[in-house]
Amino acid sequence: MALEIEGKIIRKLNVQSGTSARGEWSKQEFIVEYQEGNYPSQVCLSVWGADRVKDLEKYQIGDKVKVSFNANSREYNGRWYTDLRAWKIEAETPAPENYTTGFAPTGAEGSGNNFAPDPVDAASTGHGYVGGSSDPAADQVEDDLPF
């Protein structure tokens, strides 16, 4: 079962490593704080393997991330242990500065519909997205809508 969580890395624990019957291994645990309801919650996730530990190094405490992980529980001597094993970590991307939320502007900007692109820009670029570069292909946004 694949799950996802979005939050902020608040702590990274030390790398653990060793040797098993299958060879050398390494893992690192990290804590992500996420908002659930009115109060923040925290969860401990782990990455296994030298390549994933190295991938985790590029994220710092305070970075906002989206983590894809699998949950796995196992029993040992009558006790149950749960491991949340991250297999993909992505930086959470903020909305671009020229992103339009669709809310009517306040003040002197007017109260028009923010969803309609400027007709001049839409005609010159060939699509409805108004981007920041002069290359229309670089400004295109993939549309995954079924209609």
C-alpha atoms as a PDB file:
ATOM      1  CA  MET A   1       0.000   0.000   0.000  1.00  0.00           C
ATOM      2  CA  ALA A   2       1.513   3.330  -1.067  1.00  0.00           C
ATOM      3  CA  LEU A   3       0.723   6.406   1.042  1.00  0.00           C
ATOM      4  CA  GLU A   4       1.728  10.083   0.835  1.00  0.00           C
ATOM      5  CA  ILE A   5       2.235  12.800   3.393  1.00  0.00           C
ATOM      6  CA  GLU A   6       3.137  16.471   2.995  1.00  0.00           C
ATOM      7  CA  GLY A   7       4.880  18.366   5.747  1.00  0.00           C
ATOM      8  CA  LYS A   8       8.092  19.873   7.046  1.00  0.00           C
ATOM      9  CA  ILE A   9      11.225  17.954   8.045  1.00  0.00           C
ATOM     10  CA  ILE A  10      11.826  18.847  11.683  1.00  0.00           C
ATOM     11  CA  ARG A  11      14.565  16.345  12.559  1.00  0.00           C
ATOM     12  CA  LYS A  12      16.956  13.902  10.937  1.00  0.00           C
ATOM     13  CA  LEU A  13      18.358  11.080  13.056  1.00  0.00           C
ATOM     14  CA  ASN A  14      21.819   9.557  12.661  1.00  0.00           C
ATOM     15  CA  VAL A  15      22.516   7.077   9.871  1.00  0.00           C
ATOM     16  CA  GLN A  16      22.497   3.474  11.069  1.00  0.00           C
ATOM     17  CA  SER A  17      24.407   0.789   9.212  1.00  0.00           C
ATOM     18  CA  GLY A  18      25.497  -2.800   9.570  1.00  0.00           C
ATOM     19  CA  THR A  19      26.010  -6.127   7.889  1.00  0.00           C
ATOM     20  CA  SER A  20      23.408  -8.862   7.559  1.00  0.00           C
ATOM     21  CA  ALA A  21      23.286 -12.211   5.772  1.00  0.00           C
ATOM     22  CA  ARG A  22      22.313 -10.292   2.618  1.00  0.00           C
ATOM     23  CA  GLY A  23      25.212  -7.828   2.805  1.00  0.00           C
ATOM     24  CA  GLU A  24      25.737  -4.310   4.071  1.00  0.00           C
ATOM     25  CA  TRP A  25      22.773  -2.087   4.839  1.00  0.00           C
ATOM     26  CA  SER A  26      22.145   1.480   5.944  1.00  0.00           C
ATOM     27  CA  LYS A  27      19.078   3.400   7.028  1.00  0.00           C
ATOM     28  CA  GLN A  28      18.206   6.853   8.305  1.00  0.00           C
ATOM     29  CA  GLU A  29      15.083   7.985  10.104  1.00  0.00           C
ATOM     30  CA  PHE A  30      13.603  11.469   9.857  1.00  0.00           C
ATOM     31  CA  ILE A  31      10.658  13.233  11.438  1.00  0.00           C
ATOM     32  CA  VAL A  32       8.025  15.073   9.383  1.00  0.00           C
ATOM     33  CA  GLU A  33       5.555  17.471  10.972  1.00  0.00           C
ATOM     34  CA  TYR A  34       2.229  17.812   9.181  1.00  0.00           C
ATOM     35  CA  GLN A  35      -1.047  19.597   9.884  1.00  0.00           C
ATOM     36  CA  GLU A  36      -3.995  17.418  10.820  1.00  0.00           C
ATOM     37  CA  GLY A  37      -7.020  19.299  12.049  1.00  0.00           C
ATOM     38  CA  ASN A  38      -6.193  22.124  14.454  1.00  0.00           C
ATOM     39  CA  TYR A  39      -2.928  20.698  15.775  1.00  0.00           C
ATOM     40  CA  PRO A  40       0.324  19.660  14.119  1.00  0.00           C
ATOM     41  CA  SER A  41       1.232  15.959  14.168  1.00  0.00           C
ATOM     42  CA  GLN A  42       4.592  14.269  13.744  1.00  0.00           C
ATOM     43  CA  VAL A  43       5.561  10.999  12.107  1.00  0.00           C
ATOM     44  CA  CYS A  44       8.870   9.109  11.958  1.00  0.00           C
ATOM     45  CA  LEU A  45       9.742   7.736   8.520  1.00  0.00           C
ATOM     46  CA  SER A  46      12.835   5.849   7.372  1.00  0.00           C
ATOM     47  CA  VAL A  47      14.840   5.463   4.191  1.00  0.00           C
ATOM     48  CA  TRP A  48      16.744   2.228   3.539  1.00  0.00           C
ATOM     49  CA  GLY A  49      19.783   1.790   1.307  1.00  0.00           C
ATOM     50  CA  ALA A  50      22.839   3.934   0.693  1.00  0.00           C
ATOM     51  CA  ASP A  51      21.290   5.607  -2.370  1.00  0.00           C
ATOM     52  CA  ARG A  52      18.151   6.722  -0.514  1.00  0.00           C
ATOM     53  CA  VAL A  53      20.164   7.876   2.500  1.00  0.00           C
ATOM     54  CA  LYS A  54      22.205   9.992   0.089  1.00  0.00           C
ATOM     55  CA  ASP A  55      18.984  11.373  -1.470  1.00  0.00           C
ATOM     56  CA  LEU A  56      17.781  12.432   1.999  1.00  0.00           C
ATOM     57  CA  GLU A  57      21.005  14.443   2.498  1.00  0.00           C
ATOM     58  CA  LYS A  58      19.850  17.104   0.016  1.00  0.00           C
ATOM     59  CA  TYR A  59      16.902  18.018   2.280  1.00  0.00           C
ATOM     60  CA  GLN A  60      17.505  20.169   5.335  1.00  0.00           C
ATOM     61  CA  ILE A  61      15.571  20.671   8.540  1.00  0.00           C
ATOM     62  CA  GLY A  62      12.721  23.081   7.776  1.00  0.00           C
ATOM     63  CA  ASP A  63      12.304  21.968   4.144  1.00  0.00           C
ATOM     64  CA  LYS A  64       8.730  21.278   3.060  1.00  0.00           C
ATOM     65  CA  VAL A  65       8.485  17.871   1.405  1.00  0.00           C
ATOM     66  CA  LYS A  66       6.046  15.380  -0.044  1.00  0.00           C
ATOM     67  CA  VAL A  67       6.951  11.830   1.009  1.00  0.00           C
ATOM     68  CA  SER A  68       5.627   8.654  -0.613  1.00  0.00           C
ATOM     69  CA  PHE A  69       5.968   5.641   1.666  1.00  0.00           C
ATOM     70  CA  ASN A  70       4.798   2.116   2.437  1.00  0.00           C
ATOM     71  CA  ALA A  71       3.569   0.981   5.861  1.00  0.00           C
ATOM     72  CA  ASN A  72       4.682  -2.436   7.074  1.00  0.00           C
ATOM     73  CA  SER A  73       4.138  -4.113  10.453  1.00  0.00           C
ATOM     74  CA  ARG A  74       5.732  -7.280  11.822  1.00  0.00           C
ATOM     75  CA  GLU A  75       5.582  -9.247  15.053  1.00  0.00           C
ATOM     76  CA  TYR A  76       8.618 -10.163  17.166  1.00  0.00           C
ATOM     77  CA  ASN A  77       8.366 -11.869  20.567  1.00  0.00           C
ATOM     78  CA  GLY A  78       4.717 -10.938  20.976  1.00  0.00           C
ATOM     79  CA  ARG A  79       5.211  -7.246  20.147  1.00  0.00           C
ATOM     80  CA  TRP A  80       4.317  -5.485  16.925  1.00  0.00           C
ATOM     81  CA  TYR A  81       6.655  -3.063  15.148  1.00  0.00           C
ATOM     82  CA  THR A  82       5.591  -0.730  12.342  1.00  0.00           C
ATOM     83  CA  ASP A  83       7.970   0.689   9.762  1.00  0.00           C
ATOM     84  CA  LEU A  84       7.021   3.628   7.510  1.00  0.00           C
ATOM     85  CA  ARG A  85       9.516   3.206   4.695  1.00  0.00           C
ATOM     86  CA  ALA A  86       9.891   6.219   2.382  1.00  0.00           C
ATOM     87  CA  TRP A  87      10.609   5.375  -1.236  1.00  0.00           C
ATOM     88  CA  LYS A  88      10.257   8.849  -2.755  1.00  0.00           C
ATOM     89  CA  ILE A  89      10.886  12.322  -1.344  1.00  0.00           C
ATOM     90  CA  GLU A  90      10.086  15.467  -3.309  1.00  0.00           C
ATOM     91  CA  ALA A  91      10.456  19.113  -2.418  1.00  0.00           C
ATOM     92  CA  GLU A  92       7.034  20.677  -2.008  1.00  0.00           C
ATOM     93  CA  THR A  93       6.781  23.307  -4.720  1.00  0.00           C
ATOM     94  CA  PRO A  94       5.188  26.611  -3.801  1.00  0.00           C
ATOM     95  CA  ALA A  95       2.752  28.260  -6.193  1.00  0.00           C
ATOM     96  CA  PRO A  96       4.516  30.468  -8.760  1.00  0.00           C
ATOM     97  CA  GLU A  97       4.448  34.205  -8.127  1.00  0.00           C
ATOM     98  CA  ASN A  98       2.250  34.844 -11.167  1.00  0.00           C
ATOM     99  CA  TYR A  99      -0.203  32.095 -10.173  1.00  0.00           C
ATOM    100  CA  THR A 100      -3.809  33.291 -10.149  1.00  0.00           C
ATOM    101  CA  THR A 101      -5.939  31.951  -7.311  1.00  0.00           C
ATOM    102  CA  GLY A 102      -9.263  32.862  -8.889  1.00  0.00           C
ATOM    103  CA  PHE A 103     -10.262  35.214  -6.094  1.00  0.00           C
ATOM    104  CA  ALA A 104     -11.413  38.676  -7.062  1.00  0.00           C
ATOM    105  CA  PRO A 105      -8.692  41.245  -6.411  1.00  0.00           C
ATOM    106  CA  THR A 106      -9.249  43.974  -3.876  1.00  0.00           C
ATOM    107  CA  GLY A 107      -8.595  47.663  -4.296  1.00  0.00           C
ATOM    108  CA  ALA A 108      -7.912  49.458  -7.559  1.00  0.00           C
ATOM    109  CA  GLU A 109      -7.192  46.323  -9.611  1.00  0.00           C
ATOM    110  CA  GLY A 110     -10.894  45.859 -10.332  1.00  0.00           C
ATOM    111  CA  SER A 111     -13.241  43.003  -9.703  1.00  0.00           C
ATOM    112  CA  GLY A 112     -12.985  41.074 -12.951  1.00  0.00           C
ATOM    113  CA  ASN A 113     -12.718  37.323 -13.421  1.00  0.00           C
ATOM    114  CA  ASN A 114      -9.126  36.245 -12.786  1.00  0.00           C
ATOM    115  CA  PHE A 115      -9.580  32.975 -14.676  1.00  0.00           C
ATOM    116  CA  ALA A 116      -9.691  34.557 -18.124  1.00  0.00           C
ATOM    117  CA  PRO A 117      -6.243  35.073 -19.683  1.00  0.00           C
ATOM    118  CA  ASP A 118      -5.309  38.305 -21.356  1.00  0.00           C
ATOM    119  CA  PRO A 119      -6.517  37.862 -24.980  1.00  0.00           C
ATOM    120  CA  VAL A 120      -3.354  39.426 -26.415  1.00  0.00           C
ATOM    121  CA  ASP A 121      -1.058  37.102 -24.474  1.00  0.00           C
ATOM    122  CA  ALA A 122      -3.238  34.049 -25.154  1.00  0.00           C
ATOM    123  CA  ALA A 123      -3.240  34.775 -28.895  1.00  0.00           C
ATOM    124  CA  SER A 124       0.501  35.423 -29.053  1.00  0.00           C
ATOM    125  CA  THR A 125       1.496  32.283 -27.155  1.00  0.00           C
ATOM    126  CA  GLY A 126      -1.066  29.965 -28.711  1.00  0.00           C
ATOM    127  CA  HIS A 127      -2.439  28.781 -25.370  1.00  0.00           C
ATOM    128  CA  GLY A 128      -4.320  30.196 -22.419  1.00  0.00           C
ATOM    129  CA  TYR A 129      -1.398  30.172 -19.977  1.00  0.00           C
ATOM    130  CA  VAL A 130       0.433  33.434 -19.508  1.00  0.00           C
ATOM    131  CA  GLY A 131       4.005  32.590 -18.604  1.00  0.00           C
ATOM    132  CA  GLY A 132       7.157  34.456 -17.890  1.00  0.00           C
ATOM    133  CA  SER A 133       9.433  33.455 -20.771  1.00  0.00           C
ATOM    134  CA  SER A 134       9.373  34.273 -24.461  1.00  0.00           C
ATOM    135  CA  ASP A 135       9.339  30.572 -25.396  1.00  0.00           C
ATOM    136  CA  PRO A 136       5.709  29.327 -25.550  1.00  0.00           C
ATOM    137  CA  ALA A 137       6.794  25.678 -25.211  1.00  0.00           C
ATOM    138  CA  ALA A 138       8.495  26.460 -21.898  1.00  0.00           C
ATOM    139  CA  ASP A 139       5.358  28.124 -20.577  1.00  0.00           C
ATOM    140  CA  GLN A 140       2.937  25.315 -21.422  1.00  0.00           C
ATOM    141  CA  VAL A 141       1.346  23.505 -18.490  1.00  0.00           C
ATOM    142  CA  GLU A 142       0.401  19.862 -18.926  1.00  0.00           C
ATOM    143  CA  ASP A 143      -3.355  19.373 -18.744  1.00  0.00           C
ATOM    144  CA  ASP A 144      -4.354  16.008 -17.302  1.00  0.00           C
ATOM    145  CA  LEU A 145      -8.080  16.727 -17.247  1.00  0.00           C
ATOM    146  CA  PRO A 146     -10.191  14.056 -18.977  1.00  0.00           C
ATOM    147  CA  PHE A 147     -12.291  16.612 -20.877  1.00  0.00           C
END
